[in-house]
Amino acid sequence: DLRIKRDLYAQSGISEYWVFDVDGSTMHMFDGPDGGRYRN
């Protein structure tokens, strides 16, 4: 989710992508797709 899907979604222009890490009890929030990566 944090590597393959993140890059796939950024390349597809998905504006925002969130991943809730159950074991780590954290939310990863990505936005700003640019050149196949998220800026933020």
PDB file of all heavy atoms in Angstrom:
ATOM      1  N   ASP A   1       0.815  -1.212   0.000  1.00  0.00           N
ATOM      2  CA  ASP A   1       0.000   0.000   0.000  1.00  0.00           C
ATOM      3  C   ASP A   1       0.852   1.266   0.000  1.00  0.00           C
ATOM      4  O   ASP A   1       0.502   2.257  -0.643  1.00  0.00           O
ATOM      5  CB  ASP A   1      -0.945   0.013   1.209  1.00  0.00           C
ATOM      6  CG  ASP A   1      -2.012  -1.067   1.119  1.00  0.00           C
ATOM      7  OD1 ASP A   1      -2.293  -1.551   0.003  1.00  0.00           O
ATOM      8  OD2 ASP A   1      -2.561  -1.437   2.176  1.00  0.00           O
ATOM      9  N   LEU A   2       1.978   1.250   0.724  1.00  0.00           N
ATOM     10  CA  LEU A   2       2.822   2.449   0.835  1.00  0.00           C
ATOM     11  C   LEU A   2       3.815   2.600  -0.319  1.00  0.00           C
ATOM     12  O   LEU A   2       4.433   3.654  -0.449  1.00  0.00           O
ATOM     13  CB  LEU A   2       3.586   2.439   2.161  1.00  0.00           C
ATOM     14  CG  LEU A   2       2.752   2.684   3.404  1.00  0.00           C
ATOM     15  CD1 LEU A   2       3.617   2.624   4.649  1.00  0.00           C
ATOM     16  CD2 LEU A   2       2.010   4.011   3.322  1.00  0.00           C
ATOM     17  N   ARG A   3       3.977   1.585  -1.128  1.00  0.00           N
ATOM     18  CA  ARG A   3       4.913   1.703  -2.245  1.00  0.00           C
ATOM     19  C   ARG A   3       4.217   1.490  -3.590  1.00  0.00           C
ATOM     20  O   ARG A   3       4.049   2.431  -4.345  1.00  0.00           O
ATOM     21  CB  ARG A   3       6.071   0.715  -2.076  1.00  0.00           C
ATOM     22  CG  ARG A   3       6.979   1.062  -0.900  1.00  0.00           C
ATOM     23  CD  ARG A   3       8.211   0.169  -0.732  1.00  0.00           C
ATOM     24  NE  ARG A   3       8.026  -1.228  -1.065  1.00  0.00           N
ATOM     25  CZ  ARG A   3       8.551  -1.823  -2.155  1.00  0.00           C
ATOM     26  NH1 ARG A   3       9.274  -1.151  -2.994  1.00  0.00           N
ATOM     27  NH2 ARG A   3       8.338  -3.101  -2.378  1.00  0.00           N
ATOM     28  N   ILE A   4       3.794   0.281  -3.862  1.00  0.00           N
ATOM     29  CA  ILE A   4       3.253  -0.049  -5.178  1.00  0.00           C
ATOM     30  C   ILE A   4       1.944   0.690  -5.452  1.00  0.00           C
ATOM     31  O   ILE A   4       1.805   1.358  -6.475  1.00  0.00           O
ATOM     32  CB  ILE A   4       3.082  -1.574  -5.325  1.00  0.00           C
ATOM     33  CG1 ILE A   4       4.459  -2.251  -5.264  1.00  0.00           C
ATOM     34  CG2 ILE A   4       2.347  -1.924  -6.607  1.00  0.00           C
ATOM     35  CD1 ILE A   4       4.417  -3.743  -5.122  1.00  0.00           C
ATOM     36  N   LYS A   5       0.987   0.573  -4.553  1.00  0.00           N
ATOM     37  CA  LYS A   5      -0.298   1.243  -4.774  1.00  0.00           C
ATOM     38  C   LYS A   5      -0.146   2.759  -4.733  1.00  0.00           C
ATOM     39  O   LYS A   5      -0.772   3.467  -5.517  1.00  0.00           O
ATOM     40  CB  LYS A   5      -1.344   0.775  -3.765  1.00  0.00           C
ATOM     41  CG  LYS A   5      -1.868  -0.608  -4.076  1.00  0.00           C
ATOM     42  CD  LYS A   5      -3.034  -0.953  -3.187  1.00  0.00           C
ATOM     43  CE  LYS A   5      -3.608  -2.303  -3.550  1.00  0.00           C
ATOM     44  NZ  LYS A   5      -4.759  -2.644  -2.713  1.00  0.00           N
ATOM     45  N   ARG A   6       0.673   3.264  -3.822  1.00  0.00           N
ATOM     46  CA  ARG A   6       0.903   4.714  -3.758  1.00  0.00           C
ATOM     47  C   ARG A   6       1.384   5.240  -5.104  1.00  0.00           C
ATOM     48  O   ARG A   6       0.848   6.215  -5.633  1.00  0.00           O
ATOM     49  CB  ARG A   6       1.923   5.033  -2.674  1.00  0.00           C
ATOM     50  CG  ARG A   6       2.265   6.524  -2.588  1.00  0.00           C
ATOM     51  CD  ARG A   6       3.615   6.757  -1.959  1.00  0.00           C
ATOM     52  NE  ARG A   6       4.658   6.131  -2.763  1.00  0.00           N
ATOM     53  CZ  ARG A   6       5.852   5.775  -2.288  1.00  0.00           C
ATOM     54  NH1 ARG A   6       6.160   5.949  -1.022  1.00  0.00           N
ATOM     55  NH2 ARG A   6       6.745   5.229  -3.084  1.00  0.00           N
ATOM     56  N   ASP A   7       2.382   4.587  -5.680  1.00  0.00           N
ATOM     57  CA  ASP A   7       2.926   5.037  -6.964  1.00  0.00           C
ATOM     58  C   ASP A   7       1.912   4.888  -8.094  1.00  0.00           C
ATOM     59  O   ASP A   7       1.790   5.768  -8.947  1.00  0.00           O
ATOM     60  CB  ASP A   7       4.210   4.283  -7.293  1.00  0.00           C
ATOM     61  CG  ASP A   7       5.352   4.612  -6.345  1.00  0.00           C
ATOM     62  OD1 ASP A   7       5.225   5.581  -5.557  1.00  0.00           O
ATOM     63  OD2 ASP A   7       6.371   3.899  -6.386  1.00  0.00           O
ATOM     64  N   LEU A   8       1.173   3.790  -8.091  1.00  0.00           N
ATOM     65  CA  LEU A   8       0.152   3.566  -9.111  1.00  0.00           C
ATOM     66  C   LEU A   8      -0.924   4.651  -9.049  1.00  0.00           C
ATOM     67  O   LEU A   8      -1.327   5.211 -10.075  1.00  0.00           O
ATOM     68  CB  LEU A   8      -0.473   2.185  -8.921  1.00  0.00           C
ATOM     69  CG  LEU A   8      -1.562   1.771  -9.899  1.00  0.00           C
ATOM     70  CD1 LEU A   8      -1.025   1.694 -11.321  1.00  0.00           C
ATOM     71  CD2 LEU A   8      -2.152   0.429  -9.478  1.00  0.00           C
ATOM     72  N   TYR A   9      -1.367   4.987  -7.839  1.00  0.00           N
ATOM     73  CA  TYR A   9      -2.399   6.011  -7.685  1.00  0.00           C
ATOM     74  C   TYR A   9      -1.876   7.397  -8.058  1.00  0.00           C
ATOM     75  O   TYR A   9      -2.583   8.183  -8.679  1.00  0.00           O
ATOM     76  CB  TYR A   9      -2.954   6.005  -6.262  1.00  0.00           C
ATOM     77  CG  TYR A   9      -3.704   4.737  -5.901  1.00  0.00           C
ATOM     78  CD1 TYR A   9      -3.822   4.333  -4.585  1.00  0.00           C
ATOM     79  CD2 TYR A   9      -4.296   3.932  -6.872  1.00  0.00           C
ATOM     80  CE1 TYR A   9      -4.513   3.182  -4.239  1.00  0.00           C
ATOM     81  CE2 TYR A   9      -4.976   2.778  -6.548  1.00  0.00           C
ATOM     82  CZ  TYR A   9      -5.084   2.401  -5.221  1.00  0.00           C
ATOM     83  OH  TYR A   9      -5.774   1.262  -4.880  1.00  0.00           O
ATOM     84  N   ALA A  10      -0.646   7.691  -7.708  1.00  0.00           N
ATOM     85  CA  ALA A  10      -0.058   8.984  -8.080  1.00  0.00           C
ATOM     86  C   ALA A  10       0.075   9.089  -9.596  1.00  0.00           C
ATOM     87  O   ALA A  10      -0.244  10.124 -10.184  1.00  0.00           O
ATOM     88  CB  ALA A  10       1.303   9.171  -7.413  1.00  0.00           C
ATOM     89  N   GLN A  11       0.532   8.028 -10.245  1.00  0.00           N
ATOM     90  CA  GLN A  11       0.668   8.019 -11.702  1.00  0.00           C
ATOM     91  C   GLN A  11      -0.680   8.197 -12.392  1.00  0.00           C
ATOM     92  O   GLN A  11      -0.757   8.755 -13.478  1.00  0.00           O
ATOM     93  CB  GLN A  11       1.316   6.716 -12.171  1.00  0.00           C
ATOM     94  CG  GLN A  11       2.769   6.589 -11.796  1.00  0.00           C
ATOM     95  CD  GLN A  11       3.293   5.176 -11.948  1.00  0.00           C
ATOM     96  OE1 GLN A  11       2.607   4.281 -12.433  1.00  0.00           O
ATOM     97  NE2 GLN A  11       4.530   4.949 -11.496  1.00  0.00           N
ATOM     98  N   SER A  12      -1.742   7.728 -11.735  1.00  0.00           N
ATOM     99  CA  SER A  12      -3.090   7.838 -12.301  1.00  0.00           C
ATOM    100  C   SER A  12      -3.750   9.175 -11.988  1.00  0.00           C
ATOM    101  O   SER A  12      -4.871   9.423 -12.421  1.00  0.00           O
ATOM    102  CB  SER A  12      -3.968   6.696 -11.778  1.00  0.00           C
ATOM    103  OG  SER A  12      -3.439   5.458 -12.193  1.00  0.00           O
ATOM    104  N   GLY A  13      -3.076  10.018 -11.205  1.00  0.00           N
ATOM    105  CA  GLY A  13      -3.596  11.352 -10.898  1.00  0.00           C
ATOM    106  C   GLY A  13      -4.613  11.396  -9.782  1.00  0.00           C
ATOM    107  O   GLY A  13      -5.358  12.382  -9.659  1.00  0.00           O
ATOM    108  N   ILE A  14      -4.665  10.368  -8.937  1.00  0.00           N
ATOM    109  CA  ILE A  14      -5.578  10.390  -7.782  1.00  0.00           C
ATOM    110  C   ILE A  14      -5.112  11.512  -6.852  1.00  0.00           C
ATOM    111  O   ILE A  14      -3.976  11.510  -6.387  1.00  0.00           O
ATOM    112  CB  ILE A  14      -5.569   9.043  -7.036  1.00  0.00           C
ATOM    113  CG1 ILE A  14      -5.986   7.891  -7.950  1.00  0.00           C
ATOM    114  CG2 ILE A  14      -6.436   9.120  -5.776  1.00  0.00           C
ATOM    115  CD1 ILE A  14      -7.397   7.962  -8.459  1.00  0.00           C
ATOM    116  N   SER A  15      -5.982  12.471  -6.587  1.00  0.00           N
ATOM    117  CA  SER A  15      -5.614  13.674  -5.831  1.00  0.00           C
ATOM    118  C   SER A  15      -5.109  13.402  -4.429  1.00  0.00           C
ATOM    119  O   SER A  15      -4.204  14.084  -3.939  1.00  0.00           O
ATOM    120  CB  SER A  15      -6.801  14.630  -5.734  1.00  0.00           C
ATOM    121  OG  SER A  15      -7.211  15.032  -7.002  1.00  0.00           O
ATOM    122  N   GLU A  16      -5.715  12.404  -3.784  1.00  0.00           N
ATOM    123  CA  GLU A  16      -5.353  12.151  -2.390  1.00  0.00           C
ATOM    124  C   GLU A  16      -5.483  10.656  -2.096  1.00  0.00           C
ATOM    125  O   GLU A  16      -6.416  10.001  -2.560  1.00  0.00           O
ATOM    126  CB  GLU A  16      -6.262  12.962  -1.468  1.00  0.00           C
ATOM    127  CG  GLU A  16      -5.776  13.066  -0.068  1.00  0.00           C
ATOM    128  CD  GLU A  16      -6.460  14.183   0.716  1.00  0.00           C
ATOM    129  OE1 GLU A  16      -7.328  14.894   0.173  1.00  0.00           O
ATOM    130  OE2 GLU A  16      -6.112  14.332   1.896  1.00  0.00           O
ATOM    131  N   TYR A  17      -4.536  10.145  -1.307  1.00  0.00           N
ATOM    132  CA  TYR A  17      -4.482   8.723  -0.971  1.00  0.00           C
ATOM    133  C   TYR A  17      -4.102   8.581   0.490  1.00  0.00           C
ATOM    134  O   TYR A  17      -3.119   9.174   0.935  1.00  0.00           O
ATOM    135  CB  TYR A  17      -3.451   8.029  -1.874  1.00  0.00           C
ATOM    136  CG  TYR A  17      -3.168   6.584  -1.555  1.00  0.00           C
ATOM    137  CD1 TYR A  17      -4.189   5.653  -1.449  1.00  0.00           C
ATOM    138  CD2 TYR A  17      -1.866   6.142  -1.387  1.00  0.00           C
ATOM    139  CE1 TYR A  17      -3.924   4.316  -1.172  1.00  0.00           C
ATOM    140  CE2 TYR A  17      -1.591   4.807  -1.114  1.00  0.00           C
ATOM    141  CZ  TYR A  17      -2.623   3.900  -1.009  1.00  0.00           C
ATOM    142  OH  TYR A  17      -2.340   2.581  -0.734  1.00  0.00           O
ATOM    143  N   TRP A  18      -4.897   7.823   1.242  1.00  0.00           N
ATOM    144  CA  TRP A  18      -4.638   7.604   2.662  1.00  0.00           C
ATOM    145  C   TRP A  18      -4.443   6.116   2.921  1.00  0.00           C
ATOM    146  O   TRP A  18      -5.120   5.277   2.323  1.00  0.00           O
ATOM    147  CB  TRP A  18      -5.811   8.070   3.514  1.00  0.00           C
ATOM    148  CG  TRP A  18      -6.034   9.555   3.552  1.00  0.00           C
ATOM    149  CD1 TRP A  18      -5.421  10.518   2.800  1.00  0.00           C
ATOM    150  CD2 TRP A  18      -6.958  10.250   4.387  1.00  0.00           C
ATOM    151  NE1 TRP A  18      -5.898  11.756   3.121  1.00  0.00           N
ATOM    152  CE2 TRP A  18      -6.849  11.617   4.088  1.00  0.00           C
ATOM    153  CE3 TRP A  18      -7.860   9.835   5.346  1.00  0.00           C
ATOM    154  CZ2 TRP A  18      -7.617  12.582   4.733  1.00  0.00           C
ATOM    155  CZ3 TRP A  18      -8.633  10.793   5.984  1.00  0.00           C
ATOM    156  CH2 TRP A  18      -8.500  12.159   5.679  1.00  0.00           C
ATOM    157  N   VAL A  19      -3.535   5.808   3.842  1.00  0.00           N
ATOM    158  CA  VAL A  19      -3.312   4.427   4.279  1.00  0.00           C
ATOM    159  C   VAL A  19      -3.327   4.408   5.807  1.00  0.00           C
ATOM    160  O   VAL A  19      -2.513   5.090   6.433  1.00  0.00           O
ATOM    161  CB  VAL A  19      -1.953   3.877   3.772  1.00  0.00           C
ATOM    162  CG1 VAL A  19      -1.724   2.468   4.301  1.00  0.00           C
ATOM    163  CG2 VAL A  19      -1.871   3.920   2.255  1.00  0.00           C
ATOM    164  N   PHE A  20      -4.246   3.624   6.377  1.00  0.00           N
ATOM    165  CA  PHE A  20      -4.257   3.450   7.826  1.00  0.00           C
ATOM    166  C   PHE A  20      -3.463   2.200   8.153  1.00  0.00           C
ATOM    167  O   PHE A  20      -3.811   1.097   7.744  1.00  0.00           O
ATOM    168  CB  PHE A  20      -5.674   3.345   8.392  1.00  0.00           C
ATOM    169  CG  PHE A  20      -5.679   3.223   9.887  1.00  0.00           C
ATOM    170  CD1 PHE A  20      -5.329   4.312  10.676  1.00  0.00           C
ATOM    171  CD2 PHE A  20      -5.992   2.032  10.511  1.00  0.00           C
ATOM    172  CE1 PHE A  20      -5.300   4.216  12.063  1.00  0.00           C
ATOM    173  CE2 PHE A  20      -5.974   1.919  11.900  1.00  0.00           C
ATOM    174  CZ  PHE A  20      -5.627   3.014  12.677  1.00  0.00           C
ATOM    175  N   ASP A  21      -2.367   2.381   8.880  1.00  0.00           N
ATOM    176  CA  ASP A  21      -1.499   1.286   9.321  1.00  0.00           C
ATOM    177  C   ASP A  21      -2.056   0.751  10.635  1.00  0.00           C
ATOM    178  O   ASP A  21      -1.904   1.378  11.682  1.00  0.00           O
ATOM    179  CB  ASP A  21      -0.072   1.815   9.487  1.00  0.00           C
ATOM    180  CG  ASP A  21       0.886   0.805  10.084  1.00  0.00           C
ATOM    181  OD1 ASP A  21       0.492  -0.355  10.332  1.00  0.00           O
ATOM    182  OD2 ASP A  21       2.050   1.193  10.320  1.00  0.00           O
ATOM    183  N   VAL A  22      -2.703  -0.398  10.570  1.00  0.00           N
ATOM    184  CA  VAL A  22      -3.354  -0.983  11.740  1.00  0.00           C
ATOM    185  C   VAL A  22      -2.333  -1.274  12.841  1.00  0.00           C
ATOM    186  O   VAL A  22      -2.539  -0.905  14.002  1.00  0.00           O
ATOM    187  CB  VAL A  22      -4.111  -2.274  11.341  1.00  0.00           C
ATOM    188  CG1 VAL A  22      -4.656  -2.983  12.577  1.00  0.00           C
ATOM    189  CG2 VAL A  22      -5.227  -1.957  10.365  1.00  0.00           C
ATOM    190  N   ASP A  23      -1.231  -1.929  12.490  1.00  0.00           N
ATOM    191  CA  ASP A  23      -0.233  -2.296  13.500  1.00  0.00           C
ATOM    192  C   ASP A  23       0.487  -1.083  14.091  1.00  0.00           C
ATOM    193  O   ASP A  23       0.786  -1.055  15.280  1.00  0.00           O
ATOM    194  CB  ASP A  23       0.793  -3.268  12.916  1.00  0.00           C
ATOM    195  CG  ASP A  23       0.172  -4.616  12.574  1.00  0.00           C
ATOM    196  OD1 ASP A  23      -0.840  -4.987  13.204  1.00  0.00           O
ATOM    197  OD2 ASP A  23       0.690  -5.292  11.670  1.00  0.00           O
ATOM    198  N   GLY A  24       0.762  -0.092  13.264  1.00  0.00           N
ATOM    199  CA  GLY A  24       1.468   1.103  13.728  1.00  0.00           C
ATOM    200  C   GLY A  24       0.560   2.183  14.268  1.00  0.00           C
ATOM    201  O   GLY A  24       1.021   3.205  14.777  1.00  0.00           O
ATOM    202  N   SER A  25      -0.756   1.988  14.142  1.00  0.00           N
ATOM    203  CA  SER A  25      -1.753   2.966  14.599  1.00  0.00           C
ATOM    204  C   SER A  25      -1.460   4.359  14.065  1.00  0.00           C
ATOM    205  O   SER A  25      -1.494   5.342  14.802  1.00  0.00           O
ATOM    206  CB  SER A  25      -1.826   2.985  16.133  1.00  0.00           C
ATOM    207  OG  SER A  25      -2.287   1.749  16.615  1.00  0.00           O
ATOM    208  N   THR A  26      -1.162   4.425  12.770  1.00  0.00           N
ATOM    209  CA  THR A  26      -0.902   5.712  12.118  1.00  0.00           C
ATOM    210  C   THR A  26      -1.652   5.795  10.796  1.00  0.00           C
ATOM    211  O   THR A  26      -1.962   4.781  10.175  1.00  0.00           O
ATOM    212  CB  THR A  26       0.597   5.913  11.838  1.00  0.00           C
ATOM    213  OG1 THR A  26       1.077   4.816  11.064  1.00  0.00           O
ATOM    214  CG2 THR A  26       1.403   6.041  13.111  1.00  0.00           C
ATOM    215  N   MET A  27      -1.930   7.014  10.400  1.00  0.00           N
ATOM    216  CA  MET A  27      -2.550   7.281   9.104  1.00  0.00           C
ATOM    217  C   MET A  27      -1.507   7.992   8.243  1.00  0.00           C
ATOM    218  O   MET A  27      -0.968   9.030   8.639  1.00  0.00           O
ATOM    219  CB  MET A  27      -3.785   8.172   9.251  1.00  0.00           C
ATOM    220  CG  MET A  27      -4.469   8.479   7.943  1.00  0.00           C
ATOM    221  SD  MET A  27      -5.465   7.119   7.317  1.00  0.00           S
ATOM    222  CE  MET A  27      -6.959   7.346   8.278  1.00  0.00           C
ATOM    223  N   HIS A  28      -1.222   7.433   7.072  1.00  0.00           N
ATOM    224  CA  HIS A  28      -0.345   8.064   6.085  1.00  0.00           C
ATOM    225  C   HIS A  28      -1.253   8.761   5.078  1.00  0.00           C
ATOM    226  O   HIS A  28      -2.161   8.138   4.528  1.00  0.00           O
ATOM    227  CB  HIS A  28       0.511   7.017   5.365  1.00  0.00           C
ATOM    228  CG  HIS A  28       1.481   6.329   6.252  1.00  0.00           C
ATOM    229  ND1 HIS A  28       2.798   6.713   6.323  1.00  0.00           N
ATOM    230  CD2 HIS A  28       1.334   5.290   7.105  1.00  0.00           C
ATOM    231  CE1 HIS A  28       3.426   5.929   7.182  1.00  0.00           C
ATOM    232  NE2 HIS A  28       2.559   5.065   7.672  1.00  0.00           N
ATOM    233  N   MET A  29      -1.000  10.047   4.850  1.00  0.00           N
ATOM    234  CA  MET A  29      -1.836  10.830   3.943  1.00  0.00           C
ATOM    235  C   MET A  29      -0.950  11.429   2.849  1.00  0.00           C
ATOM    236  O   MET A  29      -0.005  12.160   3.146  1.00  0.00           O
ATOM    237  CB  MET A  29      -2.554  11.930   4.714  1.00  0.00           C
ATOM    238  CG  MET A  29      -3.483  11.381   5.782  1.00  0.00           C
ATOM    239  SD  MET A  29      -4.078  12.641   6.925  1.00  0.00           S
ATOM    240  CE  MET A  29      -2.593  12.935   7.871  1.00  0.00           C
ATOM    241  N   PHE A  30      -1.277  11.089   1.611  1.00  0.00           N
ATOM    242  CA  PHE A  30      -0.516  11.561   0.455  1.00  0.00           C
ATOM    243  C   PHE A  30      -1.412  12.455  -0.389  1.00  0.00           C
ATOM    244  O   PHE A  30      -2.596  12.156  -0.574  1.00  0.00           O
ATOM    245  CB  PHE A  30      -0.063  10.380  -0.408  1.00  0.00           C
ATOM    246  CG  PHE A  30       0.802   9.383   0.308  1.00  0.00           C
ATOM    247  CD1 PHE A  30       0.238   8.277   0.925  1.00  0.00           C
ATOM    248  CD2 PHE A  30       2.175   9.550   0.359  1.00  0.00           C
ATOM    249  CE1 PHE A  30       1.024   7.340   1.586  1.00  0.00           C
ATOM    250  CE2 PHE A  30       2.977   8.624   1.019  1.00  0.00           C
ATOM    251  CZ  PHE A  30       2.401   7.525   1.626  1.00  0.00           C
ATOM    252  N   ASP A  31      -0.836  13.529  -0.930  1.00  0.00           N
ATOM    253  CA  ASP A  31      -1.575  14.367  -1.869  1.00  0.00           C
ATOM    254  C   ASP A  31      -0.588  15.095  -2.780  1.00  0.00           C
ATOM    255  O   ASP A  31       0.619  15.062  -2.547  1.00  0.00           O
ATOM    256  CB  ASP A  31      -2.489  15.356  -1.141  1.00  0.00           C
ATOM    257  CG  ASP A  31      -1.728  16.411  -0.368  1.00  0.00           C
ATOM    258  OD1 ASP A  31      -1.397  17.452  -0.962  1.00  0.00           O
ATOM    259  OD2 ASP A  31      -1.449  16.193   0.825  1.00  0.00           O
ATOM    260  N   GLY A  32      -1.119  15.716  -3.818  1.00  0.00           N
ATOM    261  CA  GLY A  32      -0.295  16.464  -4.756  1.00  0.00           C
ATOM    262  C   GLY A  32       0.437  15.585  -5.760  1.00  0.00           C
ATOM    263  O   GLY A  32       1.662  15.659  -5.849  1.00  0.00           O
ATOM    264  N   PRO A  33      -0.294  14.754  -6.521  1.00  0.00           N
ATOM    265  CA  PRO A  33       0.397  13.906  -7.493  1.00  0.00           C
ATOM    266  C   PRO A  33       1.141  14.766  -8.515  1.00  0.00           C
ATOM    267  O   PRO A  33       0.607  15.751  -9.017  1.00  0.00           O
ATOM    268  CB  PRO A  33      -0.732  13.101  -8.141  1.00  0.00           C
ATOM    269  CG  PRO A  33      -1.967  13.899  -7.910  1.00  0.00           C
ATOM    270  CD  PRO A  33      -1.750  14.649  -6.633  1.00  0.00           C
ATOM    271  N   ASP A  34       2.383  14.388  -8.772  1.00  0.00           N
ATOM    272  CA  ASP A  34       3.220  15.163  -9.683  1.00  0.00           C
ATOM    273  C   ASP A  34       4.298  14.242 -10.254  1.00  0.00           C
ATOM    274  O   ASP A  34       5.130  13.736  -9.491  1.00  0.00           O
ATOM    275  CB  ASP A  34       3.853  16.330  -8.925  1.00  0.00           C
ATOM    276  CG  ASP A  34       4.694  17.230  -9.815  1.00  0.00           C
ATOM    277  OD1 ASP A  34       4.418  17.325 -11.021  1.00  0.00           O
ATOM    278  OD2 ASP A  34       5.638  17.845  -9.276  1.00  0.00           O
ATOM    279  N   GLY A  35       4.252  13.992 -11.544  1.00  0.00           N
ATOM    280  CA  GLY A  35       5.278  13.179 -12.179  1.00  0.00           C
ATOM    281  C   GLY A  35       5.320  11.745 -11.673  1.00  0.00           C
ATOM    282  O   GLY A  35       6.381  11.147 -11.592  1.00  0.00           O
ATOM    283  N   GLY A  36       4.161  11.188 -11.318  1.00  0.00           N
ATOM    284  CA  GLY A  36       4.107   9.813 -10.867  1.00  0.00           C
ATOM    285  C   GLY A  36       4.394   9.616  -9.393  1.00  0.00           C
ATOM    286  O   GLY A  36       4.462   8.485  -8.914  1.00  0.00           O
ATOM    287  N   ARG A  37       4.560  10.697  -8.654  1.00  0.00           N
ATOM    288  CA  ARG A  37       4.806  10.642  -7.198  1.00  0.00           C
ATOM    289  C   ARG A  37       3.903  11.651  -6.514  1.00  0.00           C
ATOM    290  O   ARG A  37       3.451  12.613  -7.123  1.00  0.00           O
ATOM    291  CB  ARG A  37       6.260  11.004  -6.879  1.00  0.00           C
ATOM    292  CG  ARG A  37       7.279  10.063  -7.408  1.00  0.00           C
ATOM    293  CD  ARG A  37       7.397   8.916  -6.494  1.00  0.00           C
ATOM    294  NE  ARG A  37       8.565   8.110  -6.851  1.00  0.00           N
ATOM    295  CZ  ARG A  37       8.794   6.959  -6.305  1.00  0.00           C
ATOM    296  NH1 ARG A  37       7.996   6.497  -5.399  1.00  0.00           N
ATOM    297  NH2 ARG A  37       9.828   6.248  -6.662  1.00  0.00           N
ATOM    298  N   TYR A  38       3.696  11.452  -5.219  1.00  0.00           N
ATOM    299  CA  TYR A  38       2.987  12.453  -4.432  1.00  0.00           C
ATOM    300  C   TYR A  38       4.004  13.411  -3.833  1.00  0.00           C
ATOM    301  O   TYR A  38       5.026  12.993  -3.301  1.00  0.00           O
ATOM    302  CB  TYR A  38       2.171  11.788  -3.310  1.00  0.00           C
ATOM    303  CG  TYR A  38       0.909  11.127  -3.812  1.00  0.00           C
ATOM    304  CD1 TYR A  38       0.811   9.745  -3.910  1.00  0.00           C
ATOM    305  CD2 TYR A  38      -0.188  11.889  -4.193  1.00  0.00           C
ATOM    306  CE1 TYR A  38      -0.346   9.138  -4.366  1.00  0.00           C
ATOM    307  CE2 TYR A  38      -1.351  11.293  -4.661  1.00  0.00           C
ATOM    308  CZ  TYR A  38      -1.409   9.926  -4.746  1.00  0.00           C
ATOM    309  OH  TYR A  38      -2.563   9.331  -5.207  1.00  0.00           O
ATOM    310  N   ARG A  39       3.720  14.702  -3.929  1.00  0.00           N
ATOM    311  CA  ARG A  39       4.614  15.718  -3.362  1.00  0.00           C
ATOM    312  C   ARG A  39       4.560  15.748  -1.846  1.00  0.00           C
ATOM    313  O   ARG A  39       5.554  16.041  -1.195  1.00  0.00           O
ATOM    314  CB  ARG A  39       4.239  17.106  -3.897  1.00  0.00           C
ATOM    315  CG  ARG A  39       4.611  17.354  -5.342  1.00  0.00           C
ATOM    316  CD  ARG A  39       4.391  18.812  -5.738  1.00  0.00           C
ATOM    317  NE  ARG A  39       3.059  19.303  -5.410  1.00  0.00           N
ATOM    318  CZ  ARG A  39       2.035  19.341  -6.247  1.00  0.00           C
ATOM    319  NH1 ARG A  39       2.166  18.914  -7.481  1.00  0.00           N
ATOM    320  NH2 ARG A  39       0.867  19.799  -5.862  1.00  0.00           N
ATOM    321  N   ASN A  40       3.399  15.462  -1.278  1.00  0.00           N
ATOM    322  CA  ASN A  40       3.211  15.613   0.164  1.00  0.00           C
ATOM    323  C   ASN A  40       2.879  14.283   0.824  1.00  0.00           C
ATOM    324  O   ASN A  40       2.072  13.508   0.307  1.00  0.00           O
ATOM    325  CB  ASN A  40       2.081  16.610   0.446  1.00  0.00           C
ATOM    326  CG  ASN A  40       2.322  17.933  -0.251  1.00  0.00           C
ATOM    327  OD1 ASN A  40       3.386  18.510  -0.135  1.00  0.00           O
ATOM    328  ND2 ASN A  40       1.330  18.399  -1.000  1.00  0.00           N
TER     329      ASN A  40
END
